[in-house]
Amino acid sequence: AQSFSTKSQITNKDDILNWSQDTINKYYDYCLKQGVIPTLDLENVSLELAGPKDAVHEAEKYFLELNNETLKEAHIHSVA
């Protein structure tokens, strides 16, 4: 399967603002290992991913996984 370079933008994700620096670093490390260049814009609350199509898709999925983890942790702390 031939993959080509693509860009993807994830917007209106206020949840990013709840990410710790460790989570941001973890995500950036993951993206770079996949050959994806992430551009996080906290002012506009958006994330742009550039790289091979399949890798960008995986980075999007990983973004959602990390977001779910962050939301679960926030919920646990608010209940405790």
C-alpha atoms as a PDB file:
ATOM      1  CA  ALA A   1       0.000   0.000   0.000  1.00  0.00           C
ATOM      2  CA  GLN A   2       1.374   3.347  -1.054  1.00  0.00           C
ATOM      3  CA  SER A   3       1.085   6.069   1.561  1.00  0.00           C
ATOM      4  CA  PHE A   4       1.419   9.738   0.817  1.00  0.00           C
ATOM      5  CA  SER A   5       1.943  12.846   2.872  1.00  0.00           C
ATOM      6  CA  THR A   6      -1.134  14.464   4.365  1.00  0.00           C
ATOM      7  CA  LYS A   7      -2.171  17.102   6.863  1.00  0.00           C
ATOM      8  CA  SER A   8      -4.910  16.829   9.429  1.00  0.00           C
ATOM      9  CA  GLN A   9      -6.228  19.466  11.790  1.00  0.00           C
ATOM     10  CA  ILE A  10      -8.022  18.730  15.038  1.00  0.00           C
ATOM     11  CA  THR A  11      -9.889  21.807  16.269  1.00  0.00           C
ATOM     12  CA  ASN A  12     -12.170  22.797  19.131  1.00  0.00           C
ATOM     13  CA  LYS A  13     -10.420  20.434  21.492  1.00  0.00           C
ATOM     14  CA  ASP A  14     -10.530  22.399  24.738  1.00  0.00           C
ATOM     15  CA  ASP A  15      -9.509  19.150  26.452  1.00  0.00           C
ATOM     16  CA  ILE A  16      -5.933  19.796  25.276  1.00  0.00           C
ATOM     17  CA  LEU A  17      -5.798  22.630  27.788  1.00  0.00           C
ATOM     18  CA  ASN A  18      -6.073  20.019  30.572  1.00  0.00           C
ATOM     19  CA  TRP A  19      -3.043  18.073  29.345  1.00  0.00           C
ATOM     20  CA  SER A  20       0.027  18.059  31.573  1.00  0.00           C
ATOM     21  CA  GLN A  21       3.438  18.847  30.131  1.00  0.00           C
ATOM     22  CA  ASP A  22       4.266  15.125  30.474  1.00  0.00           C
ATOM     23  CA  THR A  23       1.243  14.194  28.347  1.00  0.00           C
ATOM     24  CA  ILE A  24       2.197  16.752  25.693  1.00  0.00           C
ATOM     25  CA  ASN A  25       5.778  15.412  25.647  1.00  0.00           C
ATOM     26  CA  LYS A  26       4.503  11.821  25.414  1.00  0.00           C
ATOM     27  CA  TYR A  27       2.320  12.753  22.431  1.00  0.00           C
ATOM     28  CA  TYR A  28       5.081  14.673  20.656  1.00  0.00           C
ATOM     29  CA  ASP A  29       7.517  11.771  21.160  1.00  0.00           C
ATOM     30  CA  TYR A  30       4.949   9.328  19.741  1.00  0.00           C
ATOM     31  CA  CYS A  31       4.278  11.519  16.704  1.00  0.00           C
ATOM     32  CA  LEU A  32       7.942  12.083  15.912  1.00  0.00           C
ATOM     33  CA  LYS A  33       8.682   8.345  16.135  1.00  0.00           C
ATOM     34  CA  GLN A  34       5.845   7.790  13.618  1.00  0.00           C
ATOM     35  CA  GLY A  35       7.279  10.413  11.255  1.00  0.00           C
ATOM     36  CA  VAL A  36       4.461  12.862  11.990  1.00  0.00           C
ATOM     37  CA  ILE A  37       5.110  16.525  12.731  1.00  0.00           C
ATOM     38  CA  PRO A  38       2.615  17.833  15.305  1.00  0.00           C
ATOM     39  CA  THR A  39       1.906  21.549  15.651  1.00  0.00           C
ATOM     40  CA  LEU A  40      -0.013  22.376  18.812  1.00  0.00           C
ATOM     41  CA  ASP A  41      -1.640  25.811  18.949  1.00  0.00           C
ATOM     42  CA  LEU A  42      -2.955  26.388  22.466  1.00  0.00           C
ATOM     43  CA  GLU A  43      -4.189  29.892  21.658  1.00  0.00           C
ATOM     44  CA  ASN A  44      -6.567  28.590  18.979  1.00  0.00           C
ATOM     45  CA  VAL A  45      -6.926  25.197  20.674  1.00  0.00           C
ATOM     46  CA  SER A  46      -6.001  23.208  17.597  1.00  0.00           C
ATOM     47  CA  LEU A  47      -3.562  20.513  16.584  1.00  0.00           C
ATOM     48  CA  GLU A  48      -2.148  20.062  13.101  1.00  0.00           C
ATOM     49  CA  LEU A  49      -0.529  16.787  12.077  1.00  0.00           C
ATOM     50  CA  ALA A  50       1.627  16.446   8.962  1.00  0.00           C
ATOM     51  CA  GLY A  51       3.183  13.249   7.669  1.00  0.00           C
ATOM     52  CA  PRO A  52       2.451   9.930   5.986  1.00  0.00           C
ATOM     53  CA  LYS A  53      -1.292   9.282   5.754  1.00  0.00           C
ATOM     54  CA  ASP A  54      -1.294   6.069   7.827  1.00  0.00           C
ATOM     55  CA  ALA A  55       0.953   7.596  10.495  1.00  0.00           C
ATOM     56  CA  VAL A  56      -1.240  10.709  10.753  1.00  0.00           C
ATOM     57  CA  HIS A  57      -4.271   8.447  11.216  1.00  0.00           C
ATOM     58  CA  GLU A  58      -2.479   6.553  14.018  1.00  0.00           C
ATOM     59  CA  ALA A  59      -1.453   9.853  15.635  1.00  0.00           C
ATOM     60  CA  GLU A  60      -5.096  10.985  15.569  1.00  0.00           C
ATOM     61  CA  LYS A  61      -6.146   7.752  17.280  1.00  0.00           C
ATOM     62  CA  TYR A  62      -3.384   8.128  19.881  1.00  0.00           C
ATOM     63  CA  PHE A  63      -4.519  11.717  20.499  1.00  0.00           C
ATOM     64  CA  LEU A  64      -8.011  10.437  21.324  1.00  0.00           C
ATOM     65  CA  GLU A  65      -6.586   7.725  23.601  1.00  0.00           C
ATOM     66  CA  LEU A  66      -4.505  10.252  25.550  1.00  0.00           C
ATOM     67  CA  ASN A  67      -7.471  12.587  25.737  1.00  0.00           C
ATOM     68  CA  ASN A  68      -9.634   9.812  27.199  1.00  0.00           C
ATOM     69  CA  GLU A  69      -6.937   8.993  29.771  1.00  0.00           C
ATOM     70  CA  THR A  70      -6.709  12.656  30.776  1.00  0.00           C
ATOM     71  CA  LEU A  71     -10.481  12.973  31.109  1.00  0.00           C
ATOM     72  CA  LYS A  72     -10.689   9.781  33.182  1.00  0.00           C
ATOM     73  CA  GLU A  73      -7.952  11.009  35.520  1.00  0.00           C
ATOM     74  CA  ALA A  74      -9.686  14.384  35.894  1.00  0.00           C
ATOM     75  CA  HIS A  75     -12.988  12.637  36.662  1.00  0.00           C
ATOM     76  CA  ILE A  76     -11.366  10.339  39.244  1.00  0.00           C
ATOM     77  CA  HIS A  77      -9.756  13.327  40.972  1.00  0.00           C
ATOM     78  CA  SER A  78     -13.022  15.276  41.004  1.00  0.00           C
ATOM     79  CA  VAL A  79     -14.929  12.340  42.531  1.00  0.00           C
ATOM     80  CA  ALA A  80     -12.274  11.486  45.124  1.00  0.00           C
END
